[in-house]
N, C-alpha and C. Protein backbone atom coordinates (compact mmCIF):
# COMPACT_ATOMS: atom_id res chain seq x y z
N GLN A 1 -9.63 18.09 21.21
CA GLN A 1 -9.54 16.78 20.55
C GLN A 1 -9.70 16.97 19.06
N ILE A 2 -8.82 16.33 18.29
CA ILE A 2 -8.85 16.44 16.84
C ILE A 2 -9.68 15.30 16.27
N GLN A 3 -10.53 15.64 15.31
CA GLN A 3 -11.31 14.61 14.62
C GLN A 3 -11.17 14.78 13.12
N LEU A 4 -11.15 13.66 12.43
CA LEU A 4 -11.12 13.66 10.97
C LEU A 4 -12.42 13.07 10.46
N LEU A 5 -13.07 13.79 9.58
CA LEU A 5 -14.33 13.33 9.03
C LEU A 5 -14.15 13.09 7.54
N GLU A 6 -14.35 11.85 7.12
CA GLU A 6 -14.19 11.48 5.71
C GLU A 6 -15.56 11.30 5.07
N SER A 7 -15.61 11.51 3.77
CA SER A 7 -16.83 11.26 3.03
C SER A 7 -16.48 10.96 1.59
N GLY A 8 -17.42 10.33 0.90
CA GLY A 8 -17.28 10.14 -0.54
C GLY A 8 -17.03 8.72 -0.99
N GLY A 9 -16.92 7.77 -0.10
CA GLY A 9 -16.69 6.39 -0.54
C GLY A 9 -17.95 5.79 -1.15
N GLY A 10 -17.81 4.55 -1.62
CA GLY A 10 -18.95 3.85 -2.20
C GLY A 10 -18.50 2.90 -3.28
N TRP A 11 -19.40 2.66 -4.21
CA TRP A 11 -19.15 1.70 -5.29
C TRP A 11 -18.90 2.44 -6.59
N VAL A 12 -17.97 1.90 -7.37
CA VAL A 12 -17.68 2.47 -8.69
C VAL A 12 -17.26 1.34 -9.60
N GLN A 13 -17.56 1.45 -10.87
CA GLN A 13 -17.14 0.45 -11.83
C GLN A 13 -15.67 0.61 -12.19
N PRO A 14 -15.01 -0.46 -12.62
CA PRO A 14 -13.62 -0.32 -13.08
C PRO A 14 -13.51 0.74 -14.16
N GLY A 15 -12.49 1.56 -14.04
CA GLY A 15 -12.31 2.67 -14.96
C GLY A 15 -13.05 3.92 -14.55
N GLY A 16 -13.84 3.82 -13.50
CA GLY A 16 -14.62 4.96 -13.04
C GLY A 16 -13.82 5.90 -12.16
N SER A 17 -14.51 6.94 -11.70
CA SER A 17 -13.89 7.97 -10.88
C SER A 17 -14.67 8.17 -9.59
N MET A 18 -13.96 8.68 -8.61
CA MET A 18 -14.57 8.95 -7.32
C MET A 18 -13.75 10.01 -6.61
N THR A 19 -14.43 10.83 -5.81
CA THR A 19 -13.75 11.85 -5.02
C THR A 19 -14.02 11.64 -3.54
N LEU A 20 -12.96 11.62 -2.77
CA LEU A 20 -13.06 11.53 -1.32
C LEU A 20 -12.71 12.90 -0.73
N SER A 21 -13.32 13.20 0.40
CA SER A 21 -12.98 14.44 1.09
C SER A 21 -12.74 14.15 2.56
N CYS A 22 -11.94 14.99 3.17
CA CYS A 22 -11.61 14.84 4.59
C CYS A 22 -11.46 16.22 5.21
N THR A 23 -12.10 16.38 6.35
CA THR A 23 -12.00 17.64 7.09
C THR A 23 -11.52 17.36 8.50
N ALA A 24 -10.51 18.10 8.92
CA ALA A 24 -10.01 18.01 10.29
C ALA A 24 -10.63 19.11 11.13
N SER A 25 -11.07 18.76 12.31
CA SER A 25 -11.66 19.75 13.19
C SER A 25 -11.11 19.59 14.59
N GLY A 26 -11.21 20.65 15.35
CA GLY A 26 -10.70 20.64 16.72
C GLY A 26 -9.78 21.82 16.95
N ASP A 27 -9.05 21.75 18.01
CA ASP A 27 -8.17 22.85 18.41
C ASP A 27 -6.84 22.72 17.67
N ILE A 28 -6.85 23.13 16.40
CA ILE A 28 -5.70 22.97 15.52
C ILE A 28 -4.91 24.25 15.44
N PHE A 29 -3.63 24.19 15.76
CA PHE A 29 -2.77 25.36 15.59
C PHE A 29 -2.20 25.41 14.19
N ASN A 30 -1.75 24.24 13.70
CA ASN A 30 -1.18 24.16 12.37
C ASN A 30 -1.27 22.72 11.86
N VAL A 31 -1.58 22.57 10.57
CA VAL A 31 -1.58 21.25 9.94
C VAL A 31 -0.19 21.01 9.38
N ILE A 32 0.51 20.05 9.91
CA ILE A 32 1.86 19.74 9.45
C ILE A 32 1.81 18.90 8.18
N ALA A 33 0.96 17.90 8.16
CA ALA A 33 0.81 17.02 7.00
C ALA A 33 -0.61 16.49 6.99
N MET A 34 -1.10 16.19 5.78
CA MET A 34 -2.46 15.66 5.68
C MET A 34 -2.60 14.93 4.37
N GLY A 35 -3.22 13.76 4.42
CA GLY A 35 -3.34 12.99 3.19
C GLY A 35 -4.15 11.74 3.36
N TRP A 36 -3.94 10.80 2.43
CA TRP A 36 -4.73 9.58 2.36
C TRP A 36 -3.87 8.33 2.31
N TYR A 37 -4.36 7.31 3.02
CA TYR A 37 -3.79 5.97 2.98
C TYR A 37 -4.93 5.03 2.66
N ARG A 38 -4.59 3.80 2.30
CA ARG A 38 -5.62 2.80 2.08
C ARG A 38 -5.14 1.45 2.56
N GLN A 39 -6.12 0.60 2.86
CA GLN A 39 -5.82 -0.75 3.33
C GLN A 39 -6.79 -1.72 2.69
N ALA A 40 -6.25 -2.63 1.89
CA ALA A 40 -7.06 -3.69 1.29
C ALA A 40 -7.09 -4.88 2.23
N PRO A 41 -8.09 -5.74 2.12
CA PRO A 41 -8.18 -6.92 2.99
C PRO A 41 -6.92 -7.77 2.93
N GLY A 42 -6.38 -8.09 4.08
CA GLY A 42 -5.20 -8.93 4.15
C GLY A 42 -3.90 -8.24 3.82
N LYS A 43 -3.92 -6.94 3.61
CA LYS A 43 -2.72 -6.20 3.25
C LYS A 43 -2.45 -5.09 4.26
N GLN A 44 -1.20 -4.61 4.23
CA GLN A 44 -0.84 -3.52 5.12
C GLN A 44 -1.39 -2.19 4.59
N ARG A 45 -1.55 -1.27 5.48
CA ARG A 45 -1.98 0.06 5.08
C ARG A 45 -0.84 0.72 4.29
N GLU A 46 -1.22 1.38 3.19
CA GLU A 46 -0.20 1.98 2.33
C GLU A 46 -0.57 3.42 2.00
N LEU A 47 0.45 4.19 1.71
CA LEU A 47 0.25 5.58 1.31
C LEU A 47 -0.45 5.64 -0.04
N VAL A 48 -1.39 6.58 -0.16
CA VAL A 48 -1.99 6.91 -1.46
C VAL A 48 -1.40 8.24 -1.93
N ALA A 49 -1.65 9.27 -1.17
CA ALA A 49 -1.15 10.60 -1.51
C ALA A 49 -1.21 11.47 -0.27
N THR A 50 -0.26 12.38 -0.13
CA THR A 50 -0.26 13.24 1.03
C THR A 50 0.48 14.54 0.77
N PHE A 51 0.05 15.58 1.46
CA PHE A 51 0.83 16.81 1.56
C PHE A 51 1.81 16.59 2.70
N THR A 52 3.08 16.77 2.41
CA THR A 52 4.09 16.50 3.42
C THR A 52 4.34 17.74 4.29
N SER A 53 5.15 17.54 5.31
CA SER A 53 5.47 18.64 6.23
C SER A 53 6.22 19.77 5.53
N SER A 54 6.86 19.49 4.41
CA SER A 54 7.57 20.53 3.66
C SER A 54 6.69 21.20 2.62
N GLY A 55 5.41 20.79 2.59
CA GLY A 55 4.48 21.41 1.65
C GLY A 55 4.43 20.73 0.30
N GLU A 56 5.22 19.69 0.11
CA GLU A 56 5.22 18.98 -1.16
C GLU A 56 4.10 17.95 -1.19
N ILE A 57 3.85 17.41 -2.35
CA ILE A 57 2.87 16.34 -2.52
C ILE A 57 3.61 15.06 -2.84
N LYS A 58 3.25 14.01 -2.14
CA LYS A 58 3.86 12.70 -2.36
C LYS A 58 2.78 11.70 -2.74
N TYR A 59 3.01 10.99 -3.83
CA TYR A 59 2.09 9.94 -4.28
C TYR A 59 2.79 8.60 -4.25
N GLU A 60 2.01 7.55 -3.98
CA GLU A 60 2.51 6.21 -4.23
C GLU A 60 2.64 6.08 -5.73
N ASN A 61 3.71 5.41 -6.18
CA ASN A 61 4.09 5.44 -7.60
C ASN A 61 2.95 5.07 -8.55
N ASP A 62 2.25 4.00 -8.25
CA ASP A 62 1.24 3.51 -9.17
C ASP A 62 0.05 4.46 -9.29
N MET A 63 -0.10 5.35 -8.34
CA MET A 63 -1.28 6.20 -8.32
C MET A 63 -1.04 7.57 -8.95
N GLN A 64 0.22 7.93 -9.07
CA GLN A 64 0.50 9.24 -9.66
C GLN A 64 0.04 9.24 -11.11
N GLY A 65 -0.69 10.28 -11.48
CA GLY A 65 -1.25 10.38 -12.82
C GLY A 65 -2.71 9.98 -12.86
N ARG A 66 -3.12 9.13 -11.94
CA ARG A 66 -4.53 8.74 -11.87
C ARG A 66 -5.23 9.39 -10.69
N PHE A 67 -4.50 9.59 -9.61
CA PHE A 67 -5.06 10.19 -8.40
C PHE A 67 -4.50 11.59 -8.23
N THR A 68 -5.34 12.48 -7.72
CA THR A 68 -4.91 13.85 -7.45
C THR A 68 -5.38 14.27 -6.07
N ILE A 69 -4.44 14.71 -5.26
CA ILE A 69 -4.78 15.24 -3.94
C ILE A 69 -4.79 16.76 -4.03
N SER A 70 -5.75 17.37 -3.37
CA SER A 70 -5.83 18.82 -3.39
C SER A 70 -6.36 19.31 -2.05
N LYS A 71 -6.15 20.58 -1.80
CA LYS A 71 -6.64 21.18 -0.57
C LYS A 71 -7.97 21.86 -0.82
N GLY A 72 -8.81 21.82 0.18
CA GLY A 72 -10.08 22.51 0.09
C GLY A 72 -9.94 23.98 0.39
N SER A 73 -11.05 24.70 0.29
CA SER A 73 -11.02 26.13 0.56
C SER A 73 -10.68 26.41 2.01
N GLY A 74 -11.09 25.50 2.90
CA GLY A 74 -10.67 25.58 4.28
C GLY A 74 -9.32 24.91 4.41
N LYS A 75 -8.43 25.46 5.21
CA LYS A 75 -7.06 24.94 5.23
C LYS A 75 -6.97 23.56 5.86
N ASN A 76 -8.01 23.11 6.52
CA ASN A 76 -7.97 21.81 7.17
C ASN A 76 -8.76 20.76 6.39
N MET A 77 -8.82 20.91 5.08
CA MET A 77 -9.59 20.01 4.25
C MET A 77 -8.75 19.54 3.06
N VAL A 78 -8.85 18.25 2.76
CA VAL A 78 -8.19 17.72 1.57
C VAL A 78 -9.16 16.85 0.78
N TYR A 79 -8.94 16.82 -0.53
CA TYR A 79 -9.71 15.98 -1.41
C TYR A 79 -8.77 14.97 -2.07
N LEU A 80 -9.35 13.85 -2.46
CA LEU A 80 -8.63 12.88 -3.27
C LEU A 80 -9.51 12.54 -4.46
N GLN A 81 -9.08 12.98 -5.63
CA GLN A 81 -9.78 12.65 -6.87
C GLN A 81 -9.13 11.40 -7.43
N MET A 82 -9.92 10.35 -7.62
CA MET A 82 -9.40 9.08 -8.11
C MET A 82 -10.02 8.79 -9.47
N ASN A 83 -9.18 8.61 -10.47
CA ASN A 83 -9.65 8.31 -11.82
C ASN A 83 -9.14 6.94 -12.26
N ASN A 84 -9.86 6.35 -13.20
CA ASN A 84 -9.45 5.07 -13.78
C ASN A 84 -9.18 4.03 -12.68
N LEU A 85 -10.12 3.88 -11.78
CA LEU A 85 -9.95 2.94 -10.69
C LEU A 85 -9.90 1.52 -11.22
N LYS A 86 -9.03 0.73 -10.61
CA LYS A 86 -8.77 -0.63 -11.08
C LYS A 86 -9.51 -1.64 -10.21
N PRO A 87 -9.84 -2.81 -10.78
CA PRO A 87 -10.56 -3.83 -10.01
C PRO A 87 -9.81 -4.28 -8.77
N GLU A 88 -8.48 -4.15 -8.76
CA GLU A 88 -7.70 -4.59 -7.61
C GLU A 88 -7.55 -3.51 -6.56
N GLU A 89 -8.26 -2.39 -6.72
CA GLU A 89 -8.08 -1.28 -5.79
C GLU A 89 -9.16 -1.07 -4.74
N PRO A 90 -10.14 -1.95 -4.61
CA PRO A 90 -11.07 -1.75 -3.50
C PRO A 90 -10.33 -1.83 -2.18
N ALA A 91 -10.67 -0.93 -1.28
CA ALA A 91 -9.99 -0.87 0.01
C ALA A 91 -10.75 0.10 0.90
N VAL A 92 -10.34 0.12 2.15
CA VAL A 92 -10.79 1.18 3.04
C VAL A 92 -9.77 2.31 2.95
N TYR A 93 -10.24 3.50 2.65
CA TYR A 93 -9.37 4.65 2.49
C TYR A 93 -9.45 5.48 3.77
N TYR A 94 -8.27 5.79 4.30
CA TYR A 94 -8.18 6.50 5.57
C TYR A 94 -7.55 7.88 5.38
N CYS A 95 -8.16 8.86 5.97
CA CYS A 95 -7.55 10.17 6.04
C CYS A 95 -6.58 10.20 7.22
N HIS A 96 -5.46 10.84 7.03
CA HIS A 96 -4.42 10.91 8.06
C HIS A 96 -3.90 12.34 8.18
N ASP A 97 -3.62 12.76 9.37
CA ASP A 97 -2.98 14.06 9.52
C ASP A 97 -1.96 14.06 10.65
N ASP A 98 -1.11 15.03 10.60
CA ASP A 98 -0.15 15.31 11.65
C ASP A 98 -0.39 16.78 12.03
N ILE A 99 -0.93 16.96 13.21
CA ILE A 99 -1.42 18.26 13.64
C ILE A 99 -0.56 18.82 14.76
N MET A 100 -0.30 20.12 14.69
CA MET A 100 0.36 20.78 15.81
C MET A 100 -0.69 21.50 16.65
N ILE A 101 -0.65 21.26 17.93
CA ILE A 101 -1.54 21.95 18.85
C ILE A 101 -0.71 22.85 19.74
N ARG A 102 -1.34 23.88 20.27
CA ARG A 102 -0.66 24.81 21.15
C ARG A 102 -1.44 24.93 22.45
N THR A 103 -0.76 24.81 23.52
CA THR A 103 -1.38 24.97 24.84
C THR A 103 -0.68 26.08 25.59
N PHE A 104 -1.40 26.63 26.57
CA PHE A 104 -0.86 27.75 27.33
C PHE A 104 -1.04 27.45 28.81
N ALA A 105 0.05 27.49 29.51
CA ALA A 105 0.00 27.23 30.94
C ALA A 105 1.14 27.97 31.62
N SER A 106 0.85 28.56 32.74
CA SER A 106 1.86 29.28 33.54
C SER A 106 2.59 30.32 32.71
N GLY A 107 1.86 30.95 31.83
CA GLY A 107 2.42 32.02 31.03
C GLY A 107 3.28 31.57 29.87
N ILE A 108 3.28 30.29 29.57
CA ILE A 108 4.16 29.75 28.52
C ILE A 108 3.32 28.98 27.51
N TYR A 109 3.61 29.24 26.22
CA TYR A 109 3.01 28.44 25.17
C TYR A 109 3.85 27.17 24.97
N SER A 110 3.16 26.08 24.79
CA SER A 110 3.82 24.81 24.49
C SER A 110 3.21 24.25 23.21
N TYR A 111 4.04 23.57 22.45
CA TYR A 111 3.61 23.01 21.17
C TYR A 111 3.87 21.52 21.15
N ALA A 112 2.94 20.82 20.53
CA ALA A 112 3.10 19.37 20.39
C ALA A 112 2.43 18.94 19.10
N SER A 113 2.97 17.91 18.50
CA SER A 113 2.33 17.37 17.29
C SER A 113 1.81 15.97 17.56
N ASN A 114 0.71 15.66 16.95
CA ASN A 114 0.09 14.35 17.09
C ASN A 114 -0.48 13.92 15.75
N GLU A 115 -0.45 12.62 15.49
CA GLU A 115 -1.04 12.08 14.29
C GLU A 115 -2.44 11.53 14.59
N HIS A 116 -3.30 11.60 13.59
CA HIS A 116 -4.66 11.14 13.74
C HIS A 116 -5.10 10.40 12.49
N TRP A 117 -6.04 9.50 12.68
CA TRP A 117 -6.62 8.75 11.57
C TRP A 117 -8.13 8.92 11.58
N GLY A 118 -8.71 8.99 10.38
CA GLY A 118 -10.15 8.97 10.27
C GLY A 118 -10.67 7.56 10.46
N GLN A 119 -11.97 7.43 10.45
CA GLN A 119 -12.59 6.12 10.68
C GLN A 119 -12.52 5.24 9.44
N GLY A 120 -12.19 5.83 8.30
CA GLY A 120 -12.08 5.06 7.06
C GLY A 120 -13.37 5.09 6.26
N THR A 121 -13.23 5.08 4.95
CA THR A 121 -14.38 5.02 4.06
C THR A 121 -14.12 3.94 3.01
N GLN A 122 -15.10 3.08 2.81
CA GLN A 122 -14.93 1.94 1.91
C GLN A 122 -15.09 2.37 0.46
N VAL A 123 -14.16 1.94 -0.38
CA VAL A 123 -14.26 2.13 -1.82
C VAL A 123 -14.30 0.75 -2.46
N THR A 124 -15.37 0.48 -3.19
CA THR A 124 -15.55 -0.80 -3.86
C THR A 124 -15.49 -0.60 -5.36
N VAL A 125 -14.63 -1.37 -6.03
CA VAL A 125 -14.47 -1.27 -7.48
C VAL A 125 -14.86 -2.61 -8.09
N SER A 126 -15.99 -2.63 -8.75
CA SER A 126 -16.43 -3.88 -9.36
C SER A 126 -17.45 -3.59 -10.45
N SER A 127 -17.62 -4.56 -11.34
CA SER A 127 -18.61 -4.40 -12.39
C SER A 127 -19.88 -5.15 -12.03
């Protein structure tokens, strides 16, 4: 079973910075994609930043230049550095991944990919 553990949320003043981290654990054969989404009250969940299946980094337009996604020393870990946070950006931030698992049965390896979400971490931006 794959689990995502997020940390680093909390309160920050407008213009402030915050770093979120996420670690995936479990029987992981390969991480296909891993990144961050967020959901504000009354709004749909939206992409923040992610490492894509092709190894590229994708940012939501408004966040590029202020937010930076990076990988941790462990290959199943990502960070999100957020700078110059805006008053309209409080939300629950969710870690997301697309993981490939490998199983072995009757002498044959089988592969499957599944997506997972973390439990979310609240980021509050206010003065």
